[in-house]
Amino acid sequence: MIDRRTLLLASMAAFLPATTFAAGRQSAPPAKTFDYGPAKLDIYAPDGADGLPVVFFVHGGAWRFGKRSQVNAKPAFLLANGFCFVSIDYRMLPEADVATQAGDVEKAYAYLRANIAKHGGDPNRIVGMGHSAGCHLIALTGMRGGLPGVAALILDDTRAYDLAALSKNGGMVRAYARVFSDPAQWAALSPASYVDGRQHPPTFIAYSRAPGRGEDSKVFAERLRATGTKVTLFDGSAYTHLSIDRDFGEDGDALTTAALAFLKSTVG
């Protein structure tokens, strides 16, 4: 017997483009690794690529852990849908503080913009994407102008948009308090500090069901919209903090469908 959920998913699948989830059963070509200065980055590009839009990814890991290879289905999916994909390493705490990490992201982006055309990407159609700590770093660098010419941003699940407000609302939990231990730095390290009336690149904001993610993401989205920035807000309350990143590019994933539509509308 087919239950209602199975029938609904089957009905939805009938209306999706055939390429949307094809990559879940494919693999991407091997990455090409380059040293951008502070660390390394991996470039994934289809054979014969020329002038394709690019997704520039920053991994999460509480600003202390993680590596550029933790990309799951993202490269295969995005390459199958007409993109190049780039994933970077950056220096971790305690070796490097968050301000230094943001500088690493900006250096990686500058290297990419100067070199991606040689690998089939379009330097004028780069989308910054990050999860968790990487989401914070992409939001911070993107909002403060550290990613010049970036075409759009995909922000995937953080609470670290406004650190002073987070502390006031009781959200400065141990993991954040250890990283952002100096209140004198909160303003400089808060993406919200740079939402100052200027219009920013189109921004896709996703949040999981982890505590506080929805509330803080909605507040940040409204601040951006008040500047005239185009914002897409994705309710990912069906996801955990880990699955909202891990499932991207997998067959039938709702966030993937929404993010691909955003990508196609901005740089596709």
Protein backbone atom coordinates (compact mmCIF):
# COMPACT_ATOMS: atom_id res chain seq x y z
CA MET A 1 0.00 0.00 0.00
CA ILE A 2 1.25 3.48 -0.89
CA ASP A 3 0.87 5.90 2.00
CA ARG A 4 -0.08 9.56 1.58
CA ARG A 5 3.49 10.80 2.11
CA THR A 6 4.88 8.55 -0.63
CA LEU A 7 2.12 9.62 -3.00
CA LEU A 8 2.76 13.30 -2.27
CA LEU A 9 6.51 12.97 -2.88
CA ALA A 10 5.89 11.14 -6.12
CA SER A 11 3.49 13.83 -7.26
CA MET A 12 6.00 16.58 -6.45
CA ALA A 13 8.79 14.76 -8.27
CA ALA A 14 6.75 14.72 -11.45
CA PHE A 15 6.93 18.52 -11.62
CA LEU A 16 10.71 18.83 -10.99
CA PRO A 17 13.24 19.19 -13.82
CA ALA A 18 14.90 15.92 -14.71
CA THR A 19 18.38 17.29 -13.90
CA THR A 20 17.52 18.60 -10.46
CA PHE A 21 18.42 15.48 -8.49
CA ALA A 22 20.39 13.52 -11.05
CA ALA A 23 23.69 14.26 -9.34
CA GLY A 24 22.78 12.20 -6.29
CA ARG A 25 23.70 9.11 -8.30
CA GLN A 26 26.81 10.56 -9.95
CA SER A 27 30.25 11.61 -8.85
CA ALA A 28 32.11 14.81 -9.56
CA PRO A 29 35.47 14.88 -11.36
CA PRO A 30 38.41 14.95 -8.93
CA ALA A 31 39.08 18.34 -7.40
CA LYS A 32 42.10 20.41 -8.35
CA THR A 33 43.81 21.74 -5.22
CA PHE A 34 45.52 25.12 -4.98
CA ASP A 35 47.32 27.07 -2.28
CA TYR A 36 45.79 30.52 -1.89
CA GLY A 37 48.20 31.64 0.84
CA PRO A 38 46.90 30.92 4.36
CA ALA A 39 45.44 27.53 3.33
CA LYS A 40 44.24 25.51 0.34
CA LEU A 41 41.10 25.32 -1.75
CA ASP A 42 39.59 22.71 -4.07
CA ILE A 43 38.12 23.57 -7.46
CA TYR A 44 35.60 21.19 -9.03
CA ALA A 45 34.73 21.92 -12.65
CA PRO A 46 33.10 19.91 -15.45
CA ASP A 47 35.33 18.85 -18.33
CA GLY A 48 35.36 21.55 -20.96
CA ALA A 49 33.74 24.12 -18.67
CA ASP A 50 33.71 27.69 -19.90
CA GLY A 51 32.17 30.70 -18.18
CA LEU A 52 30.03 28.75 -15.70
CA PRO A 53 28.65 30.30 -12.50
CA VAL A 54 30.52 29.30 -9.36
CA VAL A 55 29.51 28.29 -5.82
CA PHE A 56 32.23 29.23 -3.29
CA PHE A 57 31.72 27.13 -0.14
CA VAL A 58 32.98 27.66 3.43
CA HIS A 59 32.56 24.65 5.76
CA GLY A 60 31.37 24.74 9.34
CA GLY A 61 32.76 23.22 12.52
CA ALA A 62 32.37 25.73 15.37
CA TRP A 63 35.32 27.77 14.03
CA ARG A 64 37.58 24.99 15.44
CA PHE A 65 37.07 21.93 13.22
CA GLY A 66 36.23 20.85 9.69
CA LYS A 67 37.97 20.66 6.35
CA ARG A 68 37.33 21.51 2.73
CA SER A 69 36.69 17.87 1.74
CA GLN A 70 33.47 17.74 3.81
CA VAL A 71 31.19 18.58 0.90
CA ASN A 72 29.06 15.42 0.53
CA ALA A 73 26.92 15.56 -2.65
CA LYS A 74 27.42 19.27 -3.35
CA PRO A 75 30.09 19.07 -6.06
CA ALA A 76 28.38 16.33 -8.08
CA PHE A 77 24.99 17.98 -7.84
CA LEU A 78 26.13 21.47 -8.73
CA LEU A 79 28.36 20.35 -11.59
CA ALA A 80 25.45 18.34 -13.03
CA ASN A 81 23.36 21.51 -12.92
CA GLY A 82 25.79 23.79 -14.72
CA PHE A 83 28.03 25.19 -11.96
CA CYS A 84 31.63 25.03 -10.82
CA PHE A 85 32.12 24.36 -7.12
CA VAL A 86 34.90 25.52 -4.84
CA SER A 87 35.50 24.50 -1.21
CA ILE A 88 38.12 26.14 0.99
CA ASP A 89 40.09 25.45 4.12
CA TYR A 90 40.78 28.29 6.54
CA ARG A 91 42.87 28.42 9.70
CA MET A 92 41.12 27.11 12.80
CA LEU A 93 40.88 28.25 16.39
CA PRO A 94 42.99 28.42 18.49
CA GLU A 95 45.66 29.03 15.83
CA ALA A 96 43.59 31.80 14.28
CA ASP A 97 40.83 33.95 15.75
CA VAL A 98 37.56 34.65 13.94
CA ALA A 99 38.80 37.94 12.51
CA THR A 100 41.73 36.09 10.94
CA GLN A 101 39.42 33.41 9.61
CA ALA A 102 37.29 36.06 7.91
CA GLY A 103 40.48 37.42 6.35
CA ASP A 104 41.30 33.92 5.09
CA VAL A 105 37.89 33.68 3.43
CA GLU A 106 38.47 37.02 1.71
CA LYS A 107 41.93 35.94 0.51
CA ALA A 108 40.50 32.68 -0.87
CA TYR A 109 37.77 34.61 -2.67
CA ALA A 110 40.29 37.05 -4.15
CA TYR A 111 42.41 34.14 -5.40
CA LEU A 112 39.35 32.48 -6.87
CA ARG A 113 38.15 35.62 -8.63
CA ALA A 114 41.57 36.10 -10.19
CA ASN A 115 41.96 32.48 -11.31
CA ILE A 116 38.60 30.77 -11.78
CA ALA A 117 38.30 31.68 -15.47
CA LYS A 118 41.23 29.33 -16.19
CA HIS A 119 39.12 26.50 -14.79
CA GLY A 120 35.91 27.29 -16.62
CA GLY A 121 34.22 29.58 -14.11
CA ASP A 122 32.88 33.11 -14.48
CA PRO A 123 34.52 35.50 -11.94
CA ASN A 124 31.50 37.78 -12.16
CA ARG A 125 29.03 35.04 -11.18
CA ILE A 126 30.35 33.73 -7.89
CA VAL A 127 27.90 32.84 -5.11
CA GLY A 128 29.23 32.64 -1.54
CA MET A 129 27.80 29.75 0.49
CA GLY A 130 28.51 28.61 4.03
CA HIS A 131 27.15 26.34 6.75
CA SER A 132 27.27 27.00 10.51
CA ALA A 133 30.57 28.75 11.29
CA GLY A 134 31.09 29.00 7.53
CA CYS A 135 27.66 30.61 7.26
CA HIS A 136 28.73 33.26 9.77
CA LEU A 137 32.00 33.87 7.89
CA ILE A 138 30.28 34.19 4.51
CA ALA A 139 27.65 36.51 6.01
CA LEU A 140 30.31 38.62 7.73
CA THR A 141 32.62 38.96 4.74
CA GLY A 142 29.77 39.38 2.28
CA MET A 143 28.02 42.09 4.30
CA ARG A 144 31.18 44.09 5.05
CA GLY A 145 32.23 44.21 1.40
CA GLY A 146 35.05 41.68 1.70
CA LEU A 147 33.78 39.67 -1.28
CA PRO A 148 33.80 42.38 -3.98
CA GLY A 149 31.60 41.56 -6.92
CA VAL A 150 29.98 38.54 -5.26
CA ALA A 151 26.74 37.83 -7.09
CA ALA A 152 24.72 36.31 -4.23
CA LEU A 153 24.98 34.65 -0.81
CA ILE A 154 23.57 31.38 0.57
CA LEU A 155 23.55 31.41 4.38
CA ASP A 156 22.89 28.01 5.89
CA ASP A 157 22.06 27.91 9.60
CA THR A 158 23.80 30.11 12.12
CA ARG A 159 22.72 32.28 15.06
CA ALA A 160 25.81 34.49 14.88
CA TYR A 161 24.28 37.35 12.90
CA ASP A 162 24.13 39.88 15.77
CA LEU A 163 26.32 38.87 18.70
CA ALA A 164 25.24 41.62 21.11
CA ALA A 165 21.57 40.78 20.54
CA LEU A 166 22.37 37.08 20.88
CA SER A 167 23.95 37.68 24.28
CA LYS A 168 21.06 39.88 25.42
CA ASN A 169 18.55 37.19 24.45
CA GLY A 170 20.40 34.40 26.25
CA GLY A 171 21.69 32.78 23.08
CA MET A 172 25.41 33.12 23.82
CA VAL A 173 25.69 29.44 24.65
CA ARG A 174 28.98 27.84 25.62
CA ALA A 175 30.07 27.08 22.05
CA TYR A 176 29.61 30.71 21.02
CA ALA A 177 30.87 32.20 24.29
CA ARG A 178 34.22 30.41 23.90
CA VAL A 179 34.64 31.75 20.37
CA PHE A 180 33.33 35.27 20.92
CA SER A 181 34.78 35.81 24.38
CA ASP A 182 35.55 39.52 23.99
CA PRO A 183 32.43 41.74 23.87
CA ALA A 184 34.57 44.55 22.47
CA GLN A 185 34.82 42.55 19.23
CA TRP A 186 31.16 41.65 18.90
CA ALA A 187 30.18 44.57 16.68
CA ALA A 188 33.06 44.04 14.26
CA LEU A 189 32.33 40.30 14.00
CA SER A 190 28.55 40.63 13.59
CA PRO A 191 27.22 40.53 10.01
CA ALA A 192 24.27 42.67 11.17
CA SER A 193 26.66 45.54 11.92
CA TYR A 194 27.21 46.00 8.19
CA VAL A 195 23.56 46.02 7.18
CA ASP A 196 23.63 49.78 7.19
CA GLY A 197 21.18 50.89 4.56
CA ARG A 198 23.22 49.71 1.60
CA GLN A 199 21.61 47.19 -0.71
CA HIS A 200 23.43 43.86 -0.52
CA PRO A 201 23.65 40.96 -2.99
CA PRO A 202 20.59 38.69 -3.19
CA THR A 203 20.66 36.47 -0.11
CA PHE A 204 19.19 33.04 0.60
CA ILE A 205 18.85 32.33 4.33
CA ALA A 206 18.08 28.82 5.61
CA TYR A 207 17.57 27.70 9.18
CA SER A 208 17.19 24.34 10.91
CA ARG A 209 15.16 23.38 13.97
CA ALA A 210 18.18 23.87 16.24
CA PRO A 211 17.33 26.28 19.10
CA GLY A 212 17.01 29.91 18.10
CA ARG A 213 17.94 29.43 14.46
CA GLY A 214 14.54 30.39 13.07
CA GLU A 215 14.07 33.50 15.21
CA ASP A 216 17.54 34.91 14.57
CA SER A 217 17.42 34.13 10.85
CA LYS A 218 14.06 35.88 10.47
CA VAL A 219 15.30 39.00 12.27
CA PHE A 220 18.38 39.14 10.06
CA ALA A 221 16.28 38.61 6.94
CA GLU A 222 14.04 41.53 7.86
CA ARG A 223 17.02 43.80 8.44
CA LEU A 224 18.31 42.95 5.00
CA ARG A 225 14.91 43.41 3.35
CA ALA A 226 14.68 46.88 4.89
CA THR A 227 17.69 47.88 2.78
CA GLY A 228 15.99 46.74 -0.42
CA THR A 229 18.04 43.54 -0.58
CA LYS A 230 16.31 40.59 -2.22
CA VAL A 231 16.00 37.89 0.47
CA THR A 232 14.74 34.32 0.21
CA LEU A 233 14.02 32.76 3.62
CA PHE A 234 13.86 28.96 3.76
CA ASP A 235 12.09 27.22 6.65
CA GLY A 236 14.31 24.23 7.32
CA SER A 237 12.70 23.21 10.58
CA ALA A 238 12.44 19.68 9.21
CA TYR A 239 16.24 19.48 9.40
CA THR A 240 18.78 19.17 12.18
CA HIS A 241 21.76 21.52 12.22
CA LEU A 242 23.86 18.80 10.60
CA SER A 243 21.37 17.40 8.09
CA ILE A 244 20.57 20.81 6.60
CA ASP A 245 24.13 20.78 5.25
CA ARG A 246 24.67 17.05 4.78
CA ASP A 247 21.56 16.51 2.64
CA PHE A 248 22.27 19.27 0.12
CA GLY A 249 22.38 17.71 -3.34
CA GLU A 250 20.68 14.48 -2.33
CA ASP A 251 17.69 13.11 -4.22
CA GLY A 252 14.42 14.77 -3.20
CA ASP A 253 15.96 17.28 -0.80
CA ALA A 254 13.69 20.31 -0.33
CA LEU A 255 16.45 22.77 0.54
CA THR A 256 18.36 21.75 -2.58
CA THR A 257 15.31 22.47 -4.74
CA ALA A 258 14.85 25.91 -3.19
CA ALA A 259 18.55 26.79 -3.34
CA LEU A 260 18.83 25.70 -6.97
CA ALA A 261 15.87 27.90 -7.90
CA PHE A 262 17.60 30.80 -6.13
CA LEU A 263 20.88 30.10 -7.93
CA LYS A 264 19.20 29.90 -11.33
CA SER A 265 17.35 33.17 -10.69
CA THR A 266 20.50 35.04 -9.68
CA VAL A 267 23.40 33.61 -11.71
CA GLY A 268 21.98 30.74 -13.77
